[in-house]
Amino acid sequence: MATTKPPVRKTTAKTVAAPVTQKVTVKKAAPRKAAQAVVSKKVVVTQKPAAAPQAAKPVKPTKVKKPKMVRDSFTMPKDEYTVIDSLKVRSGKLGQAVKKSELLRAGIKALAAMSDIQFKAALSNVPTIKTGRPTNAK
């Protein structure tokens, strides 16, 4: 018995099927709390329908930035320091409760509003003192 081999098919360029194209998506790692980006090789362009004219958006008021605060310390004679307390009591009687820092700021504004001659006269009425922390002499 003779065995017959099946005929060998020769493939030519005409008979080779064209490769199938597939849409390939590549996912890249994204930082937390961000949506993952999906990149594809095929680009699909879509047009959005024209939006109807909308009413004007209300204008948001701009936020006013708070000024930066500076903390400072200073030395003051005790008799002048008691004047701050008396001024706080005086403002309370007038119906305007104030803090020590508010009184000092008001004094600075009053000094800034003075003319040069008035300012120089006010400064000459204040004696100079030794700066720094007082000693604990009891």
C-alpha atoms as a PDB file:
ATOM      1  CA  MET A   1       0.000   0.000   0.000  1.00  0.00           C
ATOM      2  CA  ALA A   2       1.266   3.259  -0.958  1.00  0.00           C
ATOM      3  CA  THR A   3       0.483   6.179   1.224  1.00  0.00           C
ATOM      4  CA  THR A   4      -0.345   9.394  -0.445  1.00  0.00           C
ATOM      5  CA  LYS A   5       0.705  12.617   1.016  1.00  0.00           C
ATOM      6  CA  PRO A   6      -1.649  15.512   0.876  1.00  0.00           C
ATOM      7  CA  PRO A   7      -0.534  18.125  -1.588  1.00  0.00           C
ATOM      8  CA  VAL A   8       1.491  20.997  -0.096  1.00  0.00           C
ATOM      9  CA  ARG A   9      -0.131  24.371  -0.517  1.00  0.00           C
ATOM     10  CA  LYS A  10       2.134  27.184  -1.414  1.00  0.00           C
ATOM     11  CA  THR A  11       1.085  30.524  -0.123  1.00  0.00           C
ATOM     12  CA  THR A  12       1.623  33.620  -2.122  1.00  0.00           C
ATOM     13  CA  ALA A  13       1.194  37.267  -1.252  1.00  0.00           C
ATOM     14  CA  LYS A  14      -2.259  37.218  -2.769  1.00  0.00           C
ATOM     15  CA  THR A  15      -3.513  34.418  -0.607  1.00  0.00           C
ATOM     16  CA  VAL A  16      -2.165  35.746   2.756  1.00  0.00           C
ATOM     17  CA  ALA A  17      -4.925  37.337   4.784  1.00  0.00           C
ATOM     18  CA  ALA A  18      -4.498  40.978   5.806  1.00  0.00           C
ATOM     19  CA  PRO A  19      -3.628  41.435   9.518  1.00  0.00           C
ATOM     20  CA  VAL A  20      -6.546  42.356  11.735  1.00  0.00           C
ATOM     21  CA  THR A  21      -6.208  45.790  13.362  1.00  0.00           C
ATOM     22  CA  GLN A  22      -7.319  46.050  16.915  1.00  0.00           C
ATOM     23  CA  LYS A  23      -7.841  49.025  19.193  1.00  0.00           C
ATOM     24  CA  VAL A  24      -5.068  48.892  21.767  1.00  0.00           C
ATOM     25  CA  THR A  25      -5.405  50.784  25.027  1.00  0.00           C
ATOM     26  CA  VAL A  26      -2.515  51.461  27.341  1.00  0.00           C
ATOM     27  CA  LYS A  27      -3.195  52.399  30.941  1.00  0.00           C
ATOM     28  CA  LYS A  28      -0.590  54.535  32.656  1.00  0.00           C
ATOM     29  CA  ALA A  29      -0.238  54.758  36.413  1.00  0.00           C
ATOM     30  CA  ALA A  30      -1.714  57.993  37.733  1.00  0.00           C
ATOM     31  CA  PRO A  31      -1.176  59.696  41.086  1.00  0.00           C
ATOM     32  CA  ARG A  32      -3.722  59.081  43.821  1.00  0.00           C
ATOM     33  CA  LYS A  33      -6.987  60.961  43.727  1.00  0.00           C
ATOM     34  CA  ALA A  34      -6.596  61.565  40.006  1.00  0.00           C
ATOM     35  CA  ALA A  35      -8.480  59.770  37.298  1.00  0.00           C
ATOM     36  CA  GLN A  36      -6.441  57.220  35.409  1.00  0.00           C
ATOM     37  CA  ALA A  37      -5.477  58.334  31.932  1.00  0.00           C
ATOM     38  CA  VAL A  38      -6.353  56.034  29.095  1.00  0.00           C
ATOM     39  CA  VAL A  39      -4.248  56.457  25.982  1.00  0.00           C
ATOM     40  CA  SER A  40      -5.331  54.842  22.773  1.00  0.00           C
ATOM     41  CA  LYS A  41      -3.646  54.589  19.410  1.00  0.00           C
ATOM     42  CA  LYS A  42      -6.825  55.376  17.516  1.00  0.00           C
ATOM     43  CA  VAL A  43      -8.037  58.945  17.780  1.00  0.00           C
ATOM     44  CA  VAL A  44     -11.738  59.543  17.595  1.00  0.00           C
ATOM     45  CA  VAL A  45     -12.807  63.123  16.950  1.00  0.00           C
ATOM     46  CA  THR A  46     -16.293  64.032  18.037  1.00  0.00           C
ATOM     47  CA  GLN A  47     -17.989  67.372  17.812  1.00  0.00           C
ATOM     48  CA  LYS A  48     -20.165  68.599  20.630  1.00  0.00           C
ATOM     49  CA  PRO A  49     -23.484  70.140  19.676  1.00  0.00           C
ATOM     50  CA  ALA A  50     -23.598  73.894  20.001  1.00  0.00           C
ATOM     51  CA  ALA A  51     -24.692  74.876  23.487  1.00  0.00           C
ATOM     52  CA  ALA A  52     -27.607  77.205  23.958  1.00  0.00           C
ATOM     53  CA  PRO A  53     -26.623  80.633  25.311  1.00  0.00           C
ATOM     54  CA  GLN A  54     -26.674  80.538  29.106  1.00  0.00           C
ATOM     55  CA  ALA A  55     -27.500  83.284  31.525  1.00  0.00           C
ATOM     56  CA  ALA A  56     -24.524  85.238  32.865  1.00  0.00           C
ATOM     57  CA  LYS A  57     -22.937  83.593  35.890  1.00  0.00           C
ATOM     58  CA  PRO A  58     -23.172  85.597  39.097  1.00  0.00           C
ATOM     59  CA  VAL A  59     -19.916  87.304  39.978  1.00  0.00           C
ATOM     60  CA  LYS A  60     -18.332  85.925  43.129  1.00  0.00           C
ATOM     61  CA  PRO A  61     -17.045  88.540  45.536  1.00  0.00           C
ATOM     62  CA  THR A  62     -13.280  88.477  45.826  1.00  0.00           C
ATOM     63  CA  LYS A  63     -11.891  87.208  49.099  1.00  0.00           C
ATOM     64  CA  VAL A  64     -10.179  89.790  51.216  1.00  0.00           C
ATOM     65  CA  LYS A  65      -6.825  88.503  52.402  1.00  0.00           C
ATOM     66  CA  LYS A  66      -6.191  88.790  56.098  1.00  0.00           C
ATOM     67  CA  PRO A  67      -3.083  90.776  56.940  1.00  0.00           C
ATOM     68  CA  LYS A  68      -0.173  88.784  58.265  1.00  0.00           C
ATOM     69  CA  MET A  69       0.128  89.134  62.030  1.00  0.00           C
ATOM     70  CA  VAL A  70       3.390  89.899  63.805  1.00  0.00           C
ATOM     71  CA  ARG A  71       3.931  89.031  67.437  1.00  0.00           C
ATOM     72  CA  ASP A  72       6.223  91.344  69.382  1.00  0.00           C
ATOM     73  CA  SER A  73       7.116  92.178  72.958  1.00  0.00           C
ATOM     74  CA  PHE A  74       8.346  95.391  74.516  1.00  0.00           C
ATOM     75  CA  THR A  75       9.310  96.926  77.817  1.00  0.00           C
ATOM     76  CA  MET A  76       7.189  99.672  79.372  1.00  0.00           C
ATOM     77  CA  PRO A  77       7.257 101.471  82.731  1.00  0.00           C
ATOM     78  CA  LYS A  78       4.594 100.236  85.155  1.00  0.00           C
ATOM     79  CA  ASP A  79       2.871 103.642  85.484  1.00  0.00           C
ATOM     80  CA  GLU A  80       2.409 103.837  81.679  1.00  0.00           C
ATOM     81  CA  TYR A  81       1.191 100.245  81.656  1.00  0.00           C
ATOM     82  CA  THR A  82      -1.535 101.141  84.192  1.00  0.00           C
ATOM     83  CA  VAL A  83      -2.671 103.867  81.783  1.00  0.00           C
ATOM     84  CA  ILE A  84      -3.606 101.103  79.340  1.00  0.00           C
ATOM     85  CA  ASP A  85      -5.914  99.592  81.982  1.00  0.00           C
ATOM     86  CA  SER A  86      -7.515 102.961  82.693  1.00  0.00           C
ATOM     87  CA  LEU A  87      -8.077 103.521  78.972  1.00  0.00           C
ATOM     88  CA  LYS A  88      -9.707 100.079  78.700  1.00  0.00           C
ATOM     89  CA  VAL A  89     -12.081 100.996  81.567  1.00  0.00           C
ATOM     90  CA  ARG A  90     -12.775 104.392  79.961  1.00  0.00           C
ATOM     91  CA  SER A  91     -13.662 102.775  76.613  1.00  0.00           C
ATOM     92  CA  GLY A  92     -15.917 100.263  78.417  1.00  0.00           C
ATOM     93  CA  LYS A  93     -17.874 103.136  79.987  1.00  0.00           C
ATOM     94  CA  LEU A  94     -18.329 104.608  76.512  1.00  0.00           C
ATOM     95  CA  GLY A  95     -19.804 101.314  75.314  1.00  0.00           C
ATOM     96  CA  GLN A  96     -16.773 100.209  73.288  1.00  0.00           C
ATOM     97  CA  ALA A  97     -14.886  97.313  74.886  1.00  0.00           C
ATOM     98  CA  VAL A  98     -11.302  97.126  73.595  1.00  0.00           C
ATOM     99  CA  LYS A  99      -8.281  94.927  74.050  1.00  0.00           C
ATOM    100  CA  LYS A 100      -4.796  96.087  74.914  1.00  0.00           C
ATOM    101  CA  SER A 101      -3.565  95.452  71.371  1.00  0.00           C
ATOM    102  CA  GLU A 102      -6.451  97.494  69.935  1.00  0.00           C
ATOM    103  CA  LEU A 103      -5.517 100.434  72.163  1.00  0.00           C
ATOM    104  CA  LEU A 104      -1.894 100.269  71.048  1.00  0.00           C
ATOM    105  CA  ARG A 105      -2.922 100.084  67.400  1.00  0.00           C
ATOM    106  CA  ALA A 106      -5.240 103.073  67.842  1.00  0.00           C
ATOM    107  CA  GLY A 107      -2.341 105.000  69.399  1.00  0.00           C
ATOM    108  CA  ILE A 108      -0.136 104.169  66.426  1.00  0.00           C
ATOM    109  CA  LYS A 109      -2.830 105.377  64.036  1.00  0.00           C
ATOM    110  CA  ALA A 110      -3.163 108.605  66.034  1.00  0.00           C
ATOM    111  CA  LEU A 111       0.608 109.143  65.883  1.00  0.00           C
ATOM    112  CA  ALA A 112       0.637 108.474  62.146  1.00  0.00           C
ATOM    113  CA  ALA A 113      -2.104 111.070  61.597  1.00  0.00           C
ATOM    114  CA  MET A 114      -0.131 113.829  63.401  1.00  0.00           C
ATOM    115  CA  SER A 115       1.854 116.482  61.614  1.00  0.00           C
ATOM    116  CA  ASP A 116       5.627 116.380  61.953  1.00  0.00           C
ATOM    117  CA  ILE A 117       5.658 119.106  64.621  1.00  0.00           C
ATOM    118  CA  GLN A 118       2.975 117.363  66.727  1.00  0.00           C
ATOM    119  CA  PHE A 119       4.715 114.006  66.315  1.00  0.00           C
ATOM    120  CA  LYS A 120       8.060 115.429  67.438  1.00  0.00           C
ATOM    121  CA  ALA A 121       6.393 117.057  70.473  1.00  0.00           C
ATOM    122  CA  ALA A 122       4.711 113.764  71.445  1.00  0.00           C
ATOM    123  CA  LEU A 123       8.001 111.888  71.180  1.00  0.00           C
ATOM    124  CA  SER A 124       9.823 114.471  73.295  1.00  0.00           C
ATOM    125  CA  ASN A 125       7.269 113.895  76.110  1.00  0.00           C
ATOM    126  CA  VAL A 126       8.184 110.186  76.320  1.00  0.00           C
ATOM    127  CA  PRO A 127      11.384 109.468  78.251  1.00  0.00           C
ATOM    128  CA  THR A 128      13.781 106.868  76.855  1.00  0.00           C
ATOM    129  CA  ILE A 129      14.123 103.644  78.839  1.00  0.00           C
ATOM    130  CA  LYS A 130      16.580 100.798  78.893  1.00  0.00           C
ATOM    131  CA  THR A 131      15.430  98.090  76.486  1.00  0.00           C
ATOM    132  CA  GLY A 132      15.294  94.406  77.304  1.00  0.00           C
ATOM    133  CA  ARG A 133      13.660  92.367  80.030  1.00  0.00           C
ATOM    134  CA  PRO A 134      13.495  93.951  83.479  1.00  0.00           C
ATOM    135  CA  THR A 135      15.451  92.400  86.307  1.00  0.00           C
ATOM    136  CA  ASN A 136      13.522  90.556  89.007  1.00  0.00           C
ATOM    137  CA  ALA A 137      14.279  93.053  91.779  1.00  0.00           C
ATOM    138  CA  LYS A 138      11.661  92.443  94.441  1.00  0.00           C
END
